[in-house]
Amino acid sequence: MLVALMVPLALTTLFFAATAIRAAIARHAVPTVETLALGAVTNFFDTLGIGSFAPTLAWFKFRNLVPDRLIPCTMLVGYTLPSMVQAMIFLILLGVLVDPVLLVGCVFALLMGAVLGAGLVAKARSSAVQGVVAVALLVAAILYAMTNLDLMPGGGTAASLPPKLTVIAIAANFGFGLLLNFGVGNYAPSLVMFSLMGMDPHLSFPIMAGGAAFAGAAASTRHIAMGKVDLRIAAGLAIGGIPAVLVAAFLVRSMPLAMLRWLVIVVVVYAAGVMLRAAYSSRREERALTVEQAVAI
């Protein structure tokens, strides 16, 4: 069963890499040193379980690097290739220990959710995207704080789930796939869910990374085709992120991450406040435009 995932993953990685490179060349998307460094730092700690979406969102808002509407799609495209590298590593190291029905079911559900969600985020109003991203940042900050305060579920030792919980987990991953397109990472909610269900938290990583790889490739291909992405930024995240994933996966076993999480919390909460304010302003502008159009008619 593991081979049934690894072969498609390898082929999907080659296909998406070719698609992304071709699009970047066509649009003359040259990454900056800043985005290369950002991709390296966030992917390094993402491989250790901290996550990359929330700190990237915060940095984008702090530096005004990307228009709000393009933030979720740009992150998803930029982090897809590093996620694929993570998936290969975690599937090789831990995938054989996970119930194959649960593994394949969750990966496929996340993929389907991401494909359907790609069209939704492209059609969503700016205020809606900003609002969802702001909520995602606040949720990430809460999860970071709970982790530091030892309030997160510790998880169990199970490598599989009962049938009912398996169905719930697969359905939840479909929802996580939808939210990927809005800049809401699947790692944190997946880790909490599987831990509450009694699974070994370590065995959540092949499921999370495998799903993120396939889902990211499918959704990102659509975003690239629709042009709703800043490829210059995305290229920097990808190129800087891949070596960082390899370093974190093979050289780092354990390190004190609590202080780093507290620093991330501060930055993330700040970015959430900025995004909420932007969502409120965008909503007012949209209402004013609607009134003007109604008067003109």
Protein backbone atom coordinates (compact mmCIF):
# COMPACT_ATOMS: atom_id res chain seq x y z
CA MET A 1 0.00 0.00 0.00
CA LEU A 2 2.90 2.34 0.76
CA VAL A 3 4.24 1.82 -2.77
CA ALA A 4 0.79 2.77 -4.08
CA LEU A 5 1.34 6.21 -2.52
CA MET A 6 5.07 6.65 -3.13
CA VAL A 7 4.95 6.06 -6.90
CA PRO A 8 2.10 8.55 -7.55
CA LEU A 9 3.79 11.00 -5.18
CA ALA A 10 7.05 10.82 -7.12
CA LEU A 11 5.25 11.28 -10.44
CA THR A 12 3.14 14.13 -9.05
CA THR A 13 6.25 15.83 -7.70
CA LEU A 14 7.92 15.72 -11.12
CA PHE A 15 4.78 16.99 -12.85
CA PHE A 16 4.21 19.85 -10.43
CA ALA A 17 7.87 20.85 -10.41
CA ALA A 18 7.83 21.06 -14.22
CA THR A 19 4.58 23.08 -14.14
CA ALA A 20 5.89 25.52 -11.54
CA ILE A 21 9.28 25.97 -13.23
CA ARG A 22 7.68 26.54 -16.63
CA ALA A 23 5.29 29.15 -15.20
CA ALA A 24 8.08 30.90 -13.27
CA ILE A 25 10.26 31.14 -16.37
CA ALA A 26 7.37 32.39 -18.50
CA ARG A 27 6.58 35.15 -15.98
CA HIS A 28 10.24 35.97 -15.24
CA ALA A 29 9.68 35.20 -11.55
CA VAL A 30 13.06 35.70 -9.90
CA PRO A 31 13.03 35.12 -6.11
CA THR A 32 14.60 37.58 -3.71
CA VAL A 33 17.06 36.83 -0.93
CA GLU A 34 14.33 37.68 1.59
CA THR A 35 11.89 35.09 0.25
CA LEU A 36 14.63 32.45 0.01
CA ALA A 37 15.51 33.04 3.66
CA LEU A 38 11.85 33.06 4.68
CA GLY A 39 11.25 29.75 2.92
CA ALA A 40 14.30 28.19 4.56
CA VAL A 41 13.40 29.28 8.10
CA THR A 42 9.70 28.46 7.98
CA ASN A 43 10.17 25.07 6.29
CA PHE A 44 12.92 24.10 8.71
CA PHE A 45 10.60 24.56 11.67
CA ASP A 46 7.61 23.20 9.77
CA THR A 47 9.43 19.87 9.50
CA LEU A 48 9.88 19.95 13.27
CA GLY A 49 6.13 20.39 13.75
CA ILE A 50 5.82 24.14 14.35
CA GLY A 51 4.13 24.87 11.03
CA SER A 52 4.91 27.30 8.23
CA PHE A 53 1.63 28.97 7.22
CA ALA A 54 1.08 31.12 10.32
CA PRO A 55 4.58 32.65 10.58
CA THR A 56 4.61 33.20 6.81
CA LEU A 57 1.26 34.98 6.96
CA ALA A 58 2.60 37.15 9.74
CA TRP A 59 5.75 38.05 7.79
CA PHE A 60 3.78 38.81 4.64
CA LYS A 61 1.59 41.25 6.57
CA PHE A 62 4.52 42.78 8.46
CA ARG A 63 6.47 43.43 5.25
CA ASN A 64 3.49 43.96 2.89
CA LEU A 65 5.05 41.52 0.44
CA VAL A 66 1.86 40.15 -1.14
CA PRO A 67 -1.65 41.57 -1.68
CA ASP A 68 -4.06 40.07 0.86
CA ARG A 69 -6.11 38.32 -1.80
CA LEU A 70 -3.04 36.48 -3.15
CA ILE A 71 -1.56 35.45 0.21
CA PRO A 72 -3.25 32.02 0.62
CA CYS A 73 -2.58 30.88 -2.96
CA THR A 74 1.00 32.17 -2.95
CA MET A 75 1.80 30.29 0.25
CA LEU A 76 0.18 27.11 -1.01
CA VAL A 77 2.12 27.17 -4.29
CA GLY A 78 5.38 28.07 -2.55
CA TYR A 79 5.17 25.37 0.10
CA THR A 80 3.92 22.51 -2.10
CA LEU A 81 7.34 21.24 -3.25
CA PRO A 82 8.85 21.33 0.27
CA SER A 83 5.72 19.51 1.50
CA MET A 84 6.32 16.83 -1.11
CA VAL A 85 9.85 16.32 0.17
CA GLN A 86 8.48 16.07 3.72
CA ALA A 87 5.88 13.55 2.57
CA MET A 88 8.50 11.29 1.00
CA ILE A 89 10.61 11.35 4.14
CA PHE A 90 7.75 10.70 6.58
CA LEU A 91 6.15 8.03 4.41
CA ILE A 92 9.46 6.17 4.14
CA LEU A 93 10.24 6.45 7.86
CA LEU A 94 6.77 6.05 9.39
CA GLY A 95 4.22 5.31 6.68
CA VAL A 96 4.53 1.55 6.95
CA LEU A 97 3.38 1.74 10.59
CA VAL A 98 0.06 3.49 9.84
CA ASP A 99 -3.21 1.73 9.02
CA PRO A 100 -3.29 1.83 5.18
CA VAL A 101 -7.05 2.49 5.01
CA LEU A 102 -6.71 5.50 7.31
CA LEU A 103 -3.61 6.76 5.49
CA VAL A 104 -4.98 6.50 1.95
CA GLY A 105 -8.47 7.65 2.94
CA CYS A 106 -7.27 10.82 4.64
CA VAL A 107 -4.81 11.64 1.86
CA PHE A 108 -7.49 11.25 -0.82
CA ALA A 109 -10.06 13.26 1.18
CA LEU A 110 -7.63 16.14 1.70
CA LEU A 111 -6.86 16.07 -2.03
CA MET A 112 -10.55 16.29 -2.98
CA GLY A 113 -11.17 19.13 -0.56
CA ALA A 114 -8.21 21.10 -1.90
CA VAL A 115 -9.34 20.68 -5.52
CA LEU A 116 -12.84 21.96 -4.77
CA GLY A 117 -11.55 24.74 -2.53
CA ALA A 118 -9.27 26.17 -5.22
CA GLY A 119 -12.25 27.47 -7.14
CA LEU A 120 -13.89 28.88 -4.00
CA VAL A 121 -10.97 31.06 -2.94
CA ALA A 122 -10.57 32.43 -6.46
CA LYS A 123 -14.18 33.66 -6.42
CA ALA A 124 -14.25 34.86 -2.80
CA ARG A 125 -14.39 38.55 -1.90
CA SER A 126 -11.21 40.13 -0.51
CA SER A 127 -12.89 40.73 2.85
CA ALA A 128 -13.88 37.05 3.09
CA VAL A 129 -10.33 35.87 2.35
CA GLN A 130 -8.89 38.36 4.83
CA GLY A 131 -11.36 37.27 7.50
CA VAL A 132 -10.63 33.57 7.07
CA VAL A 133 -6.89 34.18 7.15
CA ALA A 134 -7.21 36.30 10.31
CA VAL A 135 -9.17 33.55 12.05
CA ALA A 136 -6.57 31.01 10.92
CA LEU A 137 -3.83 33.11 12.49
CA LEU A 138 -5.69 33.38 15.79
CA VAL A 139 -6.37 29.63 15.85
CA ALA A 140 -2.68 28.96 15.18
CA ALA A 141 -1.70 31.29 18.03
CA ILE A 142 -4.06 29.46 20.39
CA LEU A 143 -2.66 26.08 19.38
CA TYR A 144 0.91 27.30 19.87
CA ALA A 145 0.02 28.63 23.33
CA MET A 146 -1.73 25.37 24.28
CA THR A 147 1.34 23.41 23.20
CA ASN A 148 3.65 25.55 25.33
CA LEU A 149 1.32 25.27 28.33
CA ASP A 150 1.06 21.48 27.94
CA LEU A 151 -2.67 21.72 27.27
CA MET A 152 -2.54 19.92 23.93
CA PRO A 153 -3.78 16.32 23.91
CA GLY A 154 -0.87 13.98 24.47
CA GLY A 155 -2.16 11.33 22.13
CA GLY A 156 -1.92 7.57 22.56
CA THR A 157 -0.02 4.72 20.98
CA ALA A 158 -2.52 3.54 18.36
CA ALA A 159 -1.52 3.13 14.71
CA SER A 160 -5.12 2.76 13.54
CA LEU A 161 -8.62 3.91 14.50
CA PRO A 162 -11.98 2.19 14.94
CA PRO A 163 -14.23 2.32 11.84
CA LYS A 164 -16.38 5.21 13.10
CA LEU A 165 -13.39 7.36 14.01
CA THR A 166 -11.75 6.48 10.69
CA VAL A 167 -14.79 7.83 8.82
CA ILE A 168 -14.77 10.99 10.97
CA ALA A 169 -11.05 11.51 10.34
CA ILE A 170 -11.50 11.11 6.58
CA ALA A 171 -14.43 13.55 6.53
CA ALA A 172 -12.47 16.06 8.61
CA ASN A 173 -9.56 15.89 6.18
CA PHE A 174 -11.90 16.85 3.36
CA GLY A 175 -12.68 20.02 5.32
CA PHE A 176 -9.00 20.63 6.00
CA GLY A 177 -8.39 20.39 2.25
CA LEU A 178 -10.95 23.12 1.57
CA LEU A 179 -9.31 25.37 4.14
CA LEU A 180 -5.81 24.88 2.68
CA ASN A 181 -6.80 27.25 -0.11
CA PHE A 182 -7.56 29.97 2.42
CA GLY A 183 -4.16 29.76 4.09
CA VAL A 184 -5.22 27.44 6.91
CA GLY A 185 -2.59 24.73 7.32
CA ASN A 186 -3.70 21.15 7.91
CA TYR A 187 -0.91 20.13 10.29
CA ALA A 188 -2.17 21.72 13.53
CA PRO A 189 -5.84 20.67 13.32
CA SER A 190 -4.87 17.19 12.10
CA LEU A 191 -2.40 16.69 14.93
CA VAL A 192 -4.98 17.76 17.52
CA MET A 193 -7.68 15.54 16.01
CA PHE A 194 -5.57 12.39 15.76
CA SER A 195 -4.15 12.91 19.26
CA LEU A 196 -7.67 13.25 20.70
CA MET A 197 -8.60 10.03 18.91
CA GLY A 198 -5.78 8.20 20.67
CA MET A 199 -3.25 7.86 17.84
CA ASP A 200 0.48 8.09 18.30
CA PRO A 201 1.22 11.76 17.35
CA HIS A 202 4.33 10.68 15.43
CA LEU A 203 2.20 8.56 13.13
CA SER A 204 0.10 11.59 12.23
CA PHE A 205 2.98 13.02 10.22
CA PRO A 206 2.80 10.61 7.25
CA ILE A 207 -0.93 11.31 6.97
CA MET A 208 -0.56 15.07 7.27
CA ALA A 209 2.45 15.38 4.98
CA GLY A 210 1.14 12.91 2.40
CA GLY A 211 -2.18 14.69 2.20
CA ALA A 212 -0.57 18.12 2.04
CA ALA A 213 1.68 17.01 -0.82
CA PHE A 214 -1.07 15.69 -3.10
CA ALA A 215 -3.59 18.37 -2.13
CA GLY A 216 -1.06 21.14 -2.51
CA ALA A 217 -0.04 19.95 -5.97
CA ALA A 218 -3.63 19.72 -7.21
CA ALA A 219 -4.77 23.07 -5.82
CA SER A 220 -1.53 24.87 -6.70
CA THR A 221 -1.70 23.74 -10.31
CA ARG A 222 -5.13 25.36 -10.57
CA HIS A 223 -3.95 28.55 -8.88
CA ILE A 224 -0.98 28.82 -11.25
CA ALA A 225 -3.27 28.31 -14.24
CA MET A 226 -5.66 31.00 -12.96
CA GLY A 227 -2.80 33.41 -12.30
CA LYS A 228 -3.93 34.06 -8.72
CA VAL A 229 -0.43 33.80 -7.25
CA ASP A 230 2.75 35.83 -6.87
CA LEU A 231 5.22 33.39 -8.44
CA ARG A 232 8.23 35.51 -7.49
CA ILE A 233 7.42 35.03 -3.81
CA ALA A 234 6.33 31.42 -4.24
CA ALA A 235 9.58 30.51 -6.02
CA GLY A 236 11.61 31.87 -3.13
CA LEU A 237 9.62 29.89 -0.57
CA ALA A 238 10.07 26.68 -2.56
CA ILE A 239 13.75 27.03 -3.44
CA GLY A 240 14.71 28.09 0.07
CA GLY A 241 12.46 25.51 1.70
CA ILE A 242 13.57 22.25 0.12
CA PRO A 243 17.15 22.19 1.52
CA ALA A 244 15.81 23.29 4.91
CA VAL A 245 13.43 20.33 5.00
CA LEU A 246 16.28 17.92 4.32
CA VAL A 247 18.44 19.47 7.03
CA ALA A 248 15.64 19.40 9.61
CA ALA A 249 14.59 15.84 8.77
CA PHE A 250 18.02 14.21 8.78
CA LEU A 251 20.19 16.30 11.10
CA VAL A 252 17.86 17.58 13.82
CA ARG A 253 16.48 15.13 16.37
CA SER A 254 15.26 17.43 19.13
CA MET A 255 15.65 21.02 20.18
CA PRO A 256 13.95 23.45 22.61
CA LEU A 257 11.13 25.05 20.63
CA ALA A 258 8.98 26.57 23.40
CA MET A 259 10.61 30.03 23.31
CA LEU A 260 10.38 30.14 19.54
CA ARG A 261 6.66 29.32 19.71
CA TRP A 262 6.06 32.21 22.14
CA LEU A 263 7.81 34.58 19.76
CA VAL A 264 5.74 33.26 16.88
CA ILE A 265 2.56 33.78 18.92
CA VAL A 266 3.31 37.47 19.38
CA VAL A 267 3.97 37.99 15.68
CA VAL A 268 0.97 35.93 14.61
CA VAL A 269 -1.48 37.78 16.88
CA TYR A 270 -0.18 41.09 15.53
CA ALA A 271 -0.68 39.90 11.97
CA ALA A 272 -4.18 38.65 12.79
CA GLY A 273 -5.11 42.09 14.11
CA VAL A 274 -3.79 43.74 10.96
CA MET A 275 -5.68 41.27 8.77
CA LEU A 276 -8.95 41.75 10.68
CA ARG A 277 -8.64 45.49 10.29
CA ALA A 278 -8.00 45.04 6.57
CA ALA A 279 -11.03 42.74 6.30
CA TYR A 280 -13.20 45.37 8.02
CA SER A 281 -11.94 48.11 5.69
CA SER A 282 -12.44 45.92 2.60
CA ARG A 283 -15.96 45.07 3.71
CA ARG A 284 -16.82 48.76 4.09
CA GLU A 285 -15.42 49.49 0.63
CA GLU A 286 -17.43 46.62 -0.87
CA ARG A 287 -20.63 47.91 0.75
CA ALA A 288 -19.95 51.43 -0.48
CA LEU A 289 -19.35 50.12 -4.00
CA THR A 290 -22.60 48.16 -3.87
CA VAL A 291 -24.51 51.28 -2.80
CA GLU A 292 -22.91 53.31 -5.62
CA GLN A 293 -23.84 50.68 -8.18
CA ALA A 294 -27.41 50.54 -6.88
CA VAL A 295 -27.72 54.34 -7.11
CA ALA A 296 -26.28 54.33 -10.64
CA ILE A 297 -28.89 51.82 -11.71
